[in-house]
Amino acid sequence: MMYRLDIIDRCFSKRTIEDIKSAIELEAIKGAEEWISAAIESLNKASPFSLKLSLRSVCVS
């Protein structure tokens, strides 16, 4: 379980959606857990504008 939290922290602590997606894709290449594929699929289906708006709403700049 701790490994999964490390991956989540490493990937979702990025400042842009593009960086988050790149980090998740890198984890998938490394052979990380199966849930990563579902996360990538969900991000690819979502509206880029909505993702960026959501990220901005939770980030404190």
Protein backbone atom coordinates (compact mmCIF):
# COMPACT_ATOMS: atom_id res chain seq x y z
CA MET A 1 0.00 0.00 0.00
CA MET A 2 2.81 2.42 0.79
CA TYR A 3 4.24 1.87 -2.69
CA ARG A 4 0.94 2.97 -4.22
CA LEU A 5 0.91 6.13 -2.11
CA ASP A 6 4.47 6.88 -3.19
CA ILE A 7 3.44 6.60 -6.85
CA ILE A 8 0.40 8.81 -6.29
CA ASP A 9 2.49 11.43 -4.51
CA ARG A 10 5.23 11.32 -7.12
CA CYS A 11 2.83 11.65 -10.06
CA PHE A 12 0.11 13.93 -8.76
CA SER A 13 2.41 16.44 -7.08
CA LYS A 14 3.35 17.86 -10.48
CA ARG A 15 2.29 21.39 -11.37
CA THR A 16 0.72 20.76 -14.79
CA ILE A 17 -1.63 18.17 -16.24
CA GLU A 18 0.94 17.41 -18.92
CA ASP A 19 3.58 16.68 -16.27
CA ILE A 20 1.13 14.53 -14.29
CA LYS A 21 0.26 12.50 -17.39
CA SER A 22 3.94 12.09 -18.28
CA ALA A 23 4.77 10.92 -14.76
CA ILE A 24 1.93 8.39 -14.77
CA GLU A 25 2.96 7.10 -18.20
CA LEU A 26 6.53 6.69 -16.94
CA GLU A 27 5.25 4.64 -14.01
CA ALA A 28 3.32 2.45 -16.46
CA ILE A 29 6.49 1.89 -18.49
CA LYS A 30 8.32 0.89 -15.31
CA GLY A 31 5.70 -1.81 -14.83
CA ALA A 32 3.91 -0.25 -11.89
CA GLU A 33 0.60 -1.49 -10.58
CA GLU A 34 -2.37 -2.25 -12.80
CA TRP A 35 -4.44 0.71 -11.57
CA ILE A 36 -2.06 3.04 -13.43
CA SER A 37 -3.49 1.95 -16.79
CA ALA A 38 -6.99 2.86 -15.61
CA ALA A 39 -5.73 6.25 -14.40
CA ILE A 40 -4.12 6.96 -17.78
CA GLU A 41 -7.29 5.94 -19.60
CA SER A 42 -9.41 8.20 -17.40
CA LEU A 43 -7.11 11.18 -17.89
CA ASN A 44 -7.10 10.65 -21.65
CA LYS A 45 -10.92 10.57 -21.76
CA ALA A 46 -11.34 13.70 -19.66
CA SER A 47 -11.58 17.20 -21.04
CA PRO A 48 -8.13 18.86 -20.94
CA PHE A 49 -9.75 22.15 -19.91
CA SER A 50 -11.62 20.48 -17.05
CA LEU A 51 -8.47 18.74 -15.85
CA LYS A 52 -6.54 22.01 -15.87
CA LEU A 53 -9.35 23.85 -14.12
CA SER A 54 -9.60 21.15 -11.46
CA LEU A 55 -5.86 21.15 -10.88
CA ARG A 56 -5.82 24.91 -10.59
CA SER A 57 -8.64 24.83 -8.05
CA VAL A 58 -6.72 22.52 -5.72
CA CYS A 59 -3.26 24.05 -6.13
CA VAL A 60 -2.11 26.94 -4.04
CA SER A 61 0.24 29.15 -5.99
